[in-house]
Structures are given as structure tokens and as C-alpha cells.
Amino acid sequence: MSEAIKRETSKDLEFSGKRWRLKKFDALTGSNIFRKFIASKSNEPQQFLASLSDEDFKSIQVACLQSCFELKNVDGMEVAIPVMLPDGARFGVEGVSEDQGLVFMLTTMQVAYNISGFFDESALKDYKKVTEEFLGVNAPT
């Protein structure tokens, strides 16, 4: 009996003297951002973000920051505080609204973390197999 492959859904890291959690986007948001990344013909998240219109950049940045959390220890419990609140207009982590460098870094790291799954070997093999079987064409590798 084969066991389903469990995909990573979050990544914890430390920088700027704080602990952070990056979470994977939902499938619709992630595939839409990946589509825009591919269309931009950029190889790096920073180049991709720089190539976007102001409207696309803000939309992607809000999605990224809503999927980022500061990890804090509160009374012995780890608490994940959302960087951006669900309304997409207010920050949940103190001091973030004044730190442009941190906001851009979190945005860039979220894009990199979320698009990386599209480039793993198994995903590319699956894409090639489906394309060849169902569309009758040879997929790029």
C-alpha cells in the first residue's frame, strides 16, 4: 500500500532578530502567482517582483504577507502572529509597517518558498507525463 507524499506546508526561519513562519499559499493563489512568474520570464523572485505593475505587486505582496507569521513565545506557548491581517490593509506585527526592507524581504522569501515546489523534480516529471499523455505533445524538460 502506497503512502501519500506529504508536502511541506510551512517553513520556520530566523532573521532580523526574530523567528518567522512562511506558509504555502492555497492552490489558486499559488498557481496564479506562478503563472505570473513564468510569464515574466524572470529567474529570480526579486526580478519578478520588480517587473510587476503596481497593482499586481500590491496584490501579490498582500497575499505573501498574509501567509507570513512572526513566531513568539507567550507564556511558554508558541504563538504565530500574522504579519498582515486578513483585511489586507493592517499589519498584525508591531513595527512592520515602518520597515520597508523587512516587508520586501518577507515578500521575496514567500514568493521563492511558494514557487520552489513547481520546480521540484517530481512536479516536472508529472507535468511532462500529463502533457504527453493527455495533450499528445512533448513537454519541455
Protein backbone atom coordinates (compact mmCIF):
# COMPACT_ATOMS: atom_id res chain seq x y z
CA MET A 1 0.00 0.00 0.00
CA SER A 2 1.49 3.27 -1.09
CA GLU A 3 1.63 6.15 1.34
CA ALA A 4 0.69 9.61 0.05
CA ILE A 5 3.54 12.05 -0.27
CA LYS A 6 3.22 14.67 2.43
CA ARG A 7 4.20 18.08 1.14
CA GLU A 8 5.78 20.72 3.29
CA THR A 9 3.21 23.37 4.19
CA SER A 10 5.33 25.79 6.22
CA LYS A 11 8.92 26.75 6.87
CA ASP A 12 10.29 28.38 10.02
CA LEU A 13 13.34 30.62 9.86
CA GLU A 14 15.14 33.30 11.80
CA PHE A 15 16.33 36.71 10.62
CA SER A 16 16.24 40.33 11.75
CA GLY A 17 16.43 39.01 15.32
CA LYS A 18 13.01 37.34 15.09
CA ARG A 19 11.53 33.96 14.23
CA TRP A 20 9.18 33.74 11.25
CA ARG A 21 6.93 31.15 9.66
CA LEU A 22 6.28 31.11 5.92
CA LYS A 23 3.19 29.16 4.89
CA LYS A 24 2.32 27.76 1.47
CA PHE A 25 -0.34 29.62 -0.49
CA ASP A 26 -3.66 27.97 -1.23
CA ALA A 27 -3.68 26.29 -4.66
CA LEU A 28 -5.49 29.09 -6.50
CA THR A 29 -3.28 31.88 -5.18
CA GLY A 30 -0.09 29.85 -5.66
CA SER A 31 -0.85 28.81 -9.24
CA ASN A 32 -1.86 32.37 -10.17
CA ILE A 33 1.39 33.79 -8.80
CA PHE A 34 3.38 31.01 -10.50
CA ARG A 35 1.64 31.81 -13.82
CA LYS A 36 2.69 35.44 -13.48
CA PHE A 37 6.23 34.39 -12.52
CA ILE A 38 6.55 32.23 -15.66
CA ALA A 39 5.04 34.96 -17.87
CA SER A 40 7.58 37.48 -16.54
CA LYS A 41 10.46 35.28 -17.81
CA SER A 42 12.35 36.14 -14.63
CA ASN A 43 14.68 33.67 -12.96
CA GLU A 44 14.71 35.32 -9.55
CA PRO A 45 11.89 36.40 -7.24
CA GLN A 46 13.35 39.91 -6.89
CA GLN A 47 13.40 40.39 -10.67
CA PHE A 48 9.88 39.03 -10.91
CA LEU A 49 8.55 41.40 -8.25
CA ALA A 50 10.34 44.37 -9.86
CA SER A 51 8.73 43.58 -13.23
CA LEU A 52 5.14 43.72 -11.93
CA SER A 53 2.68 46.56 -12.32
CA ASP A 54 1.94 48.41 -9.08
CA GLU A 55 -1.47 46.71 -8.89
CA ASP A 56 -0.06 43.18 -9.37
CA PHE A 57 2.79 43.84 -6.95
CA LYS A 58 0.45 45.04 -4.21
CA SER A 59 -1.90 42.08 -4.72
CA ILE A 60 0.98 39.59 -4.53
CA GLN A 61 2.59 41.39 -1.61
CA VAL A 62 -0.64 41.27 0.41
CA ALA A 63 -1.02 37.52 -0.34
CA CYS A 64 2.59 36.95 0.72
CA LEU A 65 2.33 38.92 3.95
CA GLN A 66 -0.96 37.26 4.89
CA SER A 67 0.89 33.92 4.68
CA CYS A 68 3.77 35.08 6.94
CA PHE A 69 3.78 34.93 10.71
CA GLU A 70 6.07 36.10 13.48
CA LEU A 71 6.65 33.30 15.99
CA LYS A 72 6.65 34.44 19.61
CA ASN A 73 6.79 32.62 22.90
CA VAL A 74 3.87 33.78 25.03
CA ASP A 75 3.59 32.21 28.48
CA GLY A 76 5.51 29.15 27.31
CA MET A 77 3.36 28.68 24.20
CA GLU A 78 4.49 29.33 20.64
CA VAL A 79 2.12 31.82 19.04
CA ALA A 80 2.05 32.65 15.32
CA ILE A 81 1.12 36.31 14.79
CA PRO A 82 0.06 37.21 11.25
CA VAL A 83 2.29 39.81 9.61
CA MET A 84 -0.71 41.19 7.72
CA LEU A 85 -4.27 40.89 8.93
CA PRO A 86 -6.96 39.28 6.72
CA ASP A 87 -8.32 42.70 5.66
CA GLY A 88 -5.09 43.23 3.68
CA ALA A 89 -4.76 46.77 5.00
CA ARG A 90 -3.36 46.43 8.51
CA PHE A 91 -0.28 44.77 9.94
CA GLY A 92 -0.51 42.40 12.87
CA VAL A 93 3.15 42.55 13.90
CA GLU A 94 4.32 45.68 15.67
CA GLY A 95 6.85 47.79 13.77
CA VAL A 96 6.47 46.03 10.42
CA SER A 97 4.51 48.87 8.80
CA GLU A 98 7.57 51.14 9.13
CA ASP A 99 10.16 48.60 7.95
CA GLN A 100 10.19 48.60 4.14
CA GLY A 101 13.25 46.34 3.97
CA LEU A 102 11.66 43.68 6.16
CA VAL A 103 8.37 43.83 4.25
CA PHE A 104 10.17 43.40 0.91
CA MET A 105 12.35 40.60 2.30
CA LEU A 106 9.32 38.70 3.63
CA THR A 107 7.54 39.18 0.30
CA THR A 108 10.54 37.95 -1.68
CA MET A 109 11.09 34.97 0.60
CA GLN A 110 7.41 34.00 0.36
CA VAL A 111 7.50 34.10 -3.45
CA ALA A 112 10.69 32.00 -3.50
CA TYR A 113 9.31 29.49 -0.99
CA ASN A 114 5.99 29.12 -2.77
CA ILE A 115 7.23 28.79 -6.34
CA SER A 116 10.00 26.35 -5.41
CA GLY A 117 7.51 23.46 -5.31
CA PHE A 118 6.75 23.95 -9.00
CA PHE A 119 10.37 23.25 -9.88
CA ASP A 120 10.96 20.07 -7.90
CA GLU A 121 11.83 17.01 -9.94
CA SER A 122 8.63 15.06 -9.26
CA ALA A 123 6.41 18.01 -10.22
CA LEU A 124 8.27 18.47 -13.50
CA LYS A 125 8.07 14.74 -14.29
CA ASP A 126 4.33 14.74 -13.55
CA TYR A 127 3.84 17.78 -15.78
CA LYS A 128 5.76 16.12 -18.62
CA LYS A 129 3.82 12.84 -18.27
CA VAL A 130 0.41 14.52 -18.20
CA THR A 131 1.27 16.76 -21.13
CA GLU A 132 2.47 13.84 -23.24
CA GLU A 133 -0.42 11.53 -22.34
CA PHE A 134 -3.36 13.91 -22.48
CA LEU A 135 -2.30 16.60 -24.86
CA GLY A 136 -0.29 14.44 -27.23
CA VAL A 137 2.72 16.73 -27.21
CA ASN A 138 6.23 16.51 -25.85
CA ALA A 139 6.54 18.71 -22.80
CA PRO A 140 9.68 20.76 -22.20
CA THR A 141 12.00 19.39 -19.57
